[in-house]
Amino acid sequence: MRCFEFVKSSYSSGNGECVEVARNVPGAVAVRDSKRSDSPFLILASAAWDRFIADLRRQL
């Protein structure tokens, strides 16, 4: 079992809409809702996450 170490995203707002991301497992990125740390989370390939973030940055 992979042991993800989640940290709150630097883009999370102060109004409770927060995301935590774990990038400590090679080849994978995990994402979860910080308000529900015991709930399921998404696991993405690192390349898919990088494309997602790049697309978000283009939209800003």
N, C-alpha and C. Protein backbone atom coordinates (compact mmCIF):
# COMPACT_ATOMS: atom_id res chain seq x y z
N MET A 1 0.84 -1.19 0.00
CA MET A 1 0.00 0.00 0.00
C MET A 1 0.88 1.24 0.00
N ARG A 2 0.56 2.16 -0.84
CA ARG A 2 1.32 3.41 -0.91
C ARG A 2 0.99 4.28 0.30
N CYS A 3 1.98 4.97 0.80
CA CYS A 3 1.79 5.85 1.95
C CYS A 3 1.92 7.30 1.47
N PHE A 4 0.80 7.90 1.16
CA PHE A 4 0.81 9.28 0.69
C PHE A 4 0.90 10.24 1.86
N GLU A 5 1.73 11.27 1.69
CA GLU A 5 1.89 12.33 2.68
C GLU A 5 1.24 13.59 2.11
N PHE A 6 0.04 13.88 2.58
CA PHE A 6 -0.74 14.99 2.05
C PHE A 6 -0.33 16.32 2.68
N VAL A 7 -0.32 17.35 1.84
CA VAL A 7 -0.11 18.73 2.29
C VAL A 7 -1.19 19.60 1.64
N LYS A 8 -1.58 20.65 2.35
CA LYS A 8 -2.61 21.54 1.81
C LYS A 8 -2.03 22.32 0.64
N SER A 9 -2.80 22.43 -0.41
CA SER A 9 -2.38 23.17 -1.59
C SER A 9 -2.16 24.63 -1.24
N SER A 10 -1.14 25.22 -1.83
CA SER A 10 -0.88 26.65 -1.60
C SER A 10 -1.96 27.52 -2.24
N TYR A 11 -2.77 26.94 -3.12
CA TYR A 11 -3.85 27.68 -3.77
C TYR A 11 -5.18 27.56 -3.02
N SER A 12 -5.20 26.80 -1.94
CA SER A 12 -6.44 26.64 -1.18
C SER A 12 -6.84 27.97 -0.55
N SER A 13 -8.13 28.23 -0.56
CA SER A 13 -8.63 29.49 0.00
C SER A 13 -8.88 29.32 1.50
N GLY A 14 -9.13 30.41 2.16
CA GLY A 14 -9.37 30.37 3.59
C GLY A 14 -10.83 30.13 3.95
N ASN A 15 -11.67 29.89 2.95
CA ASN A 15 -13.11 29.73 3.22
C ASN A 15 -13.53 28.27 3.34
N GLY A 16 -12.61 27.38 3.60
CA GLY A 16 -12.95 25.98 3.80
C GLY A 16 -12.93 25.14 2.55
N GLU A 17 -12.69 25.74 1.40
CA GLU A 17 -12.61 25.00 0.15
C GLU A 17 -11.16 24.66 -0.13
N CYS A 18 -10.68 23.62 0.53
CA CYS A 18 -9.26 23.29 0.48
C CYS A 18 -9.03 21.92 -0.14
N VAL A 19 -7.92 21.81 -0.79
CA VAL A 19 -7.49 20.56 -1.41
C VAL A 19 -6.13 20.21 -0.84
N GLU A 20 -5.92 18.93 -0.58
CA GLU A 20 -4.61 18.45 -0.17
C GLU A 20 -4.06 17.57 -1.28
N VAL A 21 -2.75 17.68 -1.47
CA VAL A 21 -2.08 16.96 -2.54
C VAL A 21 -0.89 16.21 -1.96
N ALA A 22 -0.68 15.00 -2.44
CA ALA A 22 0.49 14.20 -2.04
C ALA A 22 1.29 13.87 -3.29
N ARG A 23 2.56 14.26 -3.27
CA ARG A 23 3.43 14.01 -4.42
C ARG A 23 4.65 13.18 -4.03
N ASN A 24 4.59 12.51 -2.90
CA ASN A 24 5.77 11.81 -2.38
C ASN A 24 5.95 10.40 -2.94
N VAL A 25 5.01 9.90 -3.73
CA VAL A 25 5.13 8.57 -4.32
C VAL A 25 5.52 8.73 -5.79
N PRO A 26 6.66 8.19 -6.20
CA PRO A 26 7.10 8.35 -7.59
C PRO A 26 6.05 7.87 -8.59
N GLY A 27 5.79 8.71 -9.60
CA GLY A 27 4.87 8.35 -10.67
C GLY A 27 3.41 8.57 -10.35
N ALA A 28 3.09 9.09 -9.16
CA ALA A 28 1.69 9.27 -8.78
C ALA A 28 1.49 10.56 -7.99
N VAL A 29 0.26 11.09 -8.09
CA VAL A 29 -0.15 12.24 -7.29
C VAL A 29 -1.53 11.89 -6.73
N ALA A 30 -1.71 12.11 -5.45
CA ALA A 30 -3.00 11.86 -4.82
C ALA A 30 -3.61 13.20 -4.41
N VAL A 31 -4.94 13.30 -4.55
CA VAL A 31 -5.66 14.53 -4.25
C VAL A 31 -6.86 14.18 -3.38
N ARG A 32 -7.10 14.99 -2.33
CA ARG A 32 -8.26 14.76 -1.47
C ARG A 32 -8.78 16.08 -0.93
N ASP A 33 -9.99 16.03 -0.41
CA ASP A 33 -10.64 17.16 0.24
C ASP A 33 -10.09 17.26 1.66
N SER A 34 -9.54 18.40 2.02
CA SER A 34 -8.91 18.54 3.34
C SER A 34 -9.93 18.46 4.48
N LYS A 35 -11.20 18.72 4.19
CA LYS A 35 -12.23 18.64 5.24
C LYS A 35 -12.60 17.19 5.54
N ARG A 36 -12.27 16.28 4.64
CA ARG A 36 -12.65 14.87 4.79
C ARG A 36 -11.43 13.98 4.57
N SER A 37 -10.46 14.11 5.43
CA SER A 37 -9.19 13.40 5.25
C SER A 37 -9.33 11.88 5.35
N ASP A 38 -10.42 11.39 5.91
CA ASP A 38 -10.62 9.94 6.00
C ASP A 38 -11.42 9.38 4.82
N SER A 39 -11.81 10.24 3.90
CA SER A 39 -12.60 9.79 2.75
C SER A 39 -11.67 9.33 1.62
N PRO A 40 -12.23 8.68 0.60
CA PRO A 40 -11.40 8.24 -0.55
C PRO A 40 -10.73 9.44 -1.23
N PHE A 41 -9.68 9.16 -1.97
CA PHE A 41 -8.97 10.20 -2.68
C PHE A 41 -8.65 9.73 -4.09
N LEU A 42 -8.34 10.68 -4.95
CA LEU A 42 -7.98 10.38 -6.34
C LEU A 42 -6.49 10.12 -6.43
N ILE A 43 -6.12 9.14 -7.24
CA ILE A 43 -4.71 8.90 -7.54
C ILE A 43 -4.54 9.08 -9.05
N LEU A 44 -3.65 9.98 -9.41
CA LEU A 44 -3.40 10.28 -10.81
C LEU A 44 -1.95 9.99 -11.17
N ALA A 45 -1.72 9.69 -12.42
CA ALA A 45 -0.34 9.59 -12.91
C ALA A 45 0.26 10.99 -12.83
N SER A 46 1.54 11.07 -12.50
CA SER A 46 2.20 12.37 -12.38
C SER A 46 2.07 13.20 -13.65
N ALA A 47 2.20 12.56 -14.81
CA ALA A 47 2.09 13.28 -16.08
C ALA A 47 0.70 13.87 -16.27
N ALA A 48 -0.34 13.15 -15.87
CA ALA A 48 -1.71 13.66 -15.98
C ALA A 48 -1.90 14.86 -15.06
N TRP A 49 -1.37 14.79 -13.85
CA TRP A 49 -1.46 15.91 -12.91
C TRP A 49 -0.75 17.13 -13.46
N ASP A 50 0.44 16.93 -14.02
CA ASP A 50 1.20 18.04 -14.58
C ASP A 50 0.45 18.72 -15.71
N ARG A 51 -0.21 17.94 -16.58
CA ARG A 51 -1.01 18.51 -17.66
C ARG A 51 -2.20 19.29 -17.11
N PHE A 52 -2.84 18.76 -16.08
CA PHE A 52 -3.97 19.42 -15.44
C PHE A 52 -3.54 20.78 -14.87
N ILE A 53 -2.45 20.80 -14.15
CA ILE A 53 -1.96 22.06 -13.55
C ILE A 53 -1.56 23.05 -14.64
N ALA A 54 -0.90 22.58 -15.69
CA ALA A 54 -0.50 23.47 -16.79
C ALA A 54 -1.73 24.09 -17.44
N ASP A 55 -2.79 23.31 -17.62
CA ASP A 55 -4.02 23.84 -18.21
C ASP A 55 -4.66 24.88 -17.29
N LEU A 56 -4.69 24.62 -15.99
CA LEU A 56 -5.21 25.61 -15.05
C LEU A 56 -4.44 26.91 -15.11
N ARG A 57 -3.13 26.82 -15.19
CA ARG A 57 -2.31 28.03 -15.22
C ARG A 57 -2.55 28.84 -16.50
N ARG A 58 -2.82 28.16 -17.61
CA ARG A 58 -3.10 28.87 -18.86
C ARG A 58 -4.42 29.64 -18.76
N GLN A 59 -5.34 29.16 -17.94
CA GLN A 59 -6.65 29.79 -17.81
C GLN A 59 -6.65 30.97 -16.86
N LEU A 60 -5.60 31.14 -16.07
CA LEU A 60 -5.56 32.25 -15.11
C LEU A 60 -5.23 33.56 -15.76
